[in-house]
Each structure stands twice: as structure tokens, then as C-alpha cells.
Amino acid sequence: MTTAGNFRTTAARAACDVSVAGVPWPAYKLIALVLGAVVALVVGVATATAATAVLAGAAVGTVTWVVFSAYCSSSR
């Protein structure tokens, strides 16, 4: 038996989850990891400085994680 509230919660969870090896992961975690790695790679190639690349990648990953996690938790 499904109520309207349970259906909305399930639909919102499905939109924010991605199946990785059969385990549901929040999509924002994967997005943050990919964006952080891409930014680290681009900044590393552009500046040839590992410290700058790592800090930039970590900053982008962290901000992405926090912003999208707030969005997914508010839509549940």
C-alpha cells in the first residue's frame, strides 16, 4: 500500500540515486568526484603545479558535494 507522500519520496530518491554495481549511490557524490578530478586534471596541465591542481580539484569537489546534497535532501 503506497501513500502519496511515500510515492513522492520514492520518486525524489530515484532521481537523486545512481546504481553503481547494484548499490544505490547519491548522484551528487559521483558528480562531485568527476568534477573534482576534471578540474584537478585541467588545472594540473595548465599550471604544471600539483599543489594548485589538488587544491582546486578539492575545492570544486567539496562545493559541488555540499550544493547538490542540499538540493537532493530538500527534494526528498
C-alpha atoms as a PDB file:
ATOM      1  CA  MET A   1       0.000   0.000   0.000  1.00  0.00           C
ATOM      2  CA  THR A   2       1.571   3.270  -1.164  1.00  0.00           C
ATOM      3  CA  THR A   3       0.501   6.691   0.015  1.00  0.00           C
ATOM      4  CA  ALA A   4       1.056   9.851  -1.996  1.00  0.00           C
ATOM      5  CA  GLY A   5       3.785  11.004   0.399  1.00  0.00           C
ATOM      6  CA  ASN A   6       5.688   7.740   0.104  1.00  0.00           C
ATOM      7  CA  PHE A   7       5.425   7.913  -3.687  1.00  0.00           C
ATOM      8  CA  ARG A   8       6.868  11.438  -3.797  1.00  0.00           C
ATOM      9  CA  THR A   9       9.718  10.423  -1.501  1.00  0.00           C
ATOM     10  CA  THR A  10      10.497   7.357  -3.598  1.00  0.00           C
ATOM     11  CA  ALA A  11      10.383   9.355  -6.838  1.00  0.00           C
ATOM     12  CA  ALA A  12      12.705  12.040  -5.451  1.00  0.00           C
ATOM     13  CA  ARG A  13      15.120   9.403  -4.150  1.00  0.00           C
ATOM     14  CA  ALA A  14      15.165   7.657  -7.537  1.00  0.00           C
ATOM     15  CA  ALA A  15      16.014  10.931  -9.289  1.00  0.00           C
ATOM     16  CA  CYS A  16      18.996  11.545  -6.976  1.00  0.00           C
ATOM     17  CA  ASP A  17      20.322   7.970  -6.890  1.00  0.00           C
ATOM     18  CA  VAL A  18      22.535   6.130  -9.367  1.00  0.00           C
ATOM     19  CA  SER A  19      23.146   2.397  -9.293  1.00  0.00           C
ATOM     20  CA  VAL A  20      26.862   1.561  -9.007  1.00  0.00           C
ATOM     21  CA  ALA A  21      27.478  -2.198  -9.031  1.00  0.00           C
ATOM     22  CA  GLY A  22      23.912  -2.722  -7.845  1.00  0.00           C
ATOM     23  CA  VAL A  23      24.260  -0.339  -4.906  1.00  0.00           C
ATOM     24  CA  PRO A  24      22.307   2.950  -4.965  1.00  0.00           C
ATOM     25  CA  TRP A  25      24.657   5.939  -4.647  1.00  0.00           C
ATOM     26  CA  PRO A  26      23.606   9.572  -4.406  1.00  0.00           C
ATOM     27  CA  ALA A  27      24.255  11.129  -7.817  1.00  0.00           C
ATOM     28  CA  TYR A  28      25.761  14.243  -6.243  1.00  0.00           C
ATOM     29  CA  LYS A  29      28.668  12.203  -4.862  1.00  0.00           C
ATOM     30  CA  LEU A  30      29.559  10.897  -8.300  1.00  0.00           C
ATOM     31  CA  ILE A  31      29.137  14.334  -9.881  1.00  0.00           C
ATOM     32  CA  ALA A  32      31.401  15.879  -7.233  1.00  0.00           C
ATOM     33  CA  LEU A  33      34.081  13.218  -7.749  1.00  0.00           C
ATOM     34  CA  VAL A  34      34.055  13.607 -11.527  1.00  0.00           C
ATOM     35  CA  LEU A  35      34.092  17.417 -11.448  1.00  0.00           C
ATOM     36  CA  GLY A  36      36.882  17.451  -8.856  1.00  0.00           C
ATOM     37  CA  ALA A  37      39.003  15.069 -10.933  1.00  0.00           C
ATOM     38  CA  VAL A  38      38.405  17.016 -14.157  1.00  0.00           C
ATOM     39  CA  VAL A  39      39.280  20.334 -12.527  1.00  0.00           C
ATOM     40  CA  ALA A  40      42.409  18.834 -10.944  1.00  0.00           C
ATOM     41  CA  LEU A  41      43.499  17.466 -14.318  1.00  0.00           C
ATOM     42  CA  VAL A  42      42.828  20.704 -16.212  1.00  0.00           C
ATOM     43  CA  VAL A  43      44.486  22.918 -13.613  1.00  0.00           C
ATOM     44  CA  GLY A  44      47.411  20.491 -13.348  1.00  0.00           C
ATOM     45  CA  VAL A  45      48.004  20.602 -17.089  1.00  0.00           C
ATOM     46  CA  ALA A  46      47.546  24.375 -17.257  1.00  0.00           C
ATOM     47  CA  THR A  47      49.800  25.274 -14.324  1.00  0.00           C
ATOM     48  CA  ALA A  48      52.085  22.215 -14.058  1.00  0.00           C
ATOM     49  CA  THR A  49      51.790  22.595 -10.283  1.00  0.00           C
ATOM     50  CA  ALA A  50      50.448  19.642  -8.321  1.00  0.00           C
ATOM     51  CA  ALA A  51      49.545  21.645  -5.206  1.00  0.00           C
ATOM     52  CA  THR A  52      47.383  24.101  -7.128  1.00  0.00           C
ATOM     53  CA  ALA A  53      45.680  21.307  -9.057  1.00  0.00           C
ATOM     54  CA  VAL A  54      44.875  19.300  -5.933  1.00  0.00           C
ATOM     55  CA  LEU A  55      43.542  22.310  -4.039  1.00  0.00           C
ATOM     56  CA  ALA A  56      41.399  23.449  -6.978  1.00  0.00           C
ATOM     57  CA  GLY A  57      40.003  19.949  -7.519  1.00  0.00           C
ATOM     58  CA  ALA A  58      39.254  19.527  -3.825  1.00  0.00           C
ATOM     59  CA  ALA A  59      37.561  22.923  -3.653  1.00  0.00           C
ATOM     60  CA  VAL A  60      35.330  22.227  -6.660  1.00  0.00           C
ATOM     61  CA  GLY A  61      34.502  18.737  -5.405  1.00  0.00           C
ATOM     62  CA  THR A  62      33.601  19.998  -1.945  1.00  0.00           C
ATOM     63  CA  VAL A  63      31.420  22.856  -3.163  1.00  0.00           C
ATOM     64  CA  THR A  64      29.659  20.568  -5.646  1.00  0.00           C
ATOM     65  CA  TRP A  65      29.076  17.948  -2.944  1.00  0.00           C
ATOM     66  CA  VAL A  66      27.578  20.444  -0.498  1.00  0.00           C
ATOM     67  CA  VAL A  67      25.364  22.244  -3.029  1.00  0.00           C
ATOM     68  CA  PHE A  68      23.958  19.112  -4.668  1.00  0.00           C
ATOM     69  CA  SER A  69      23.493  17.276  -1.371  1.00  0.00           C
ATOM     70  CA  ALA A  70      21.391  20.183  -0.117  1.00  0.00           C
ATOM     71  CA  TYR A  71      19.373  20.081  -3.332  1.00  0.00           C
ATOM     72  CA  CYS A  72      18.748  16.322  -3.161  1.00  0.00           C
ATOM     73  CA  SER A  73      17.865  16.382   0.542  1.00  0.00           C
ATOM     74  CA  SER A  74      15.404  19.248   0.021  1.00  0.00           C
ATOM     75  CA  SER A  75      13.640  17.392  -2.797  1.00  0.00           C
ATOM     76  CA  ARG A  76      13.009  14.328  -0.613  1.00  0.00           C
END
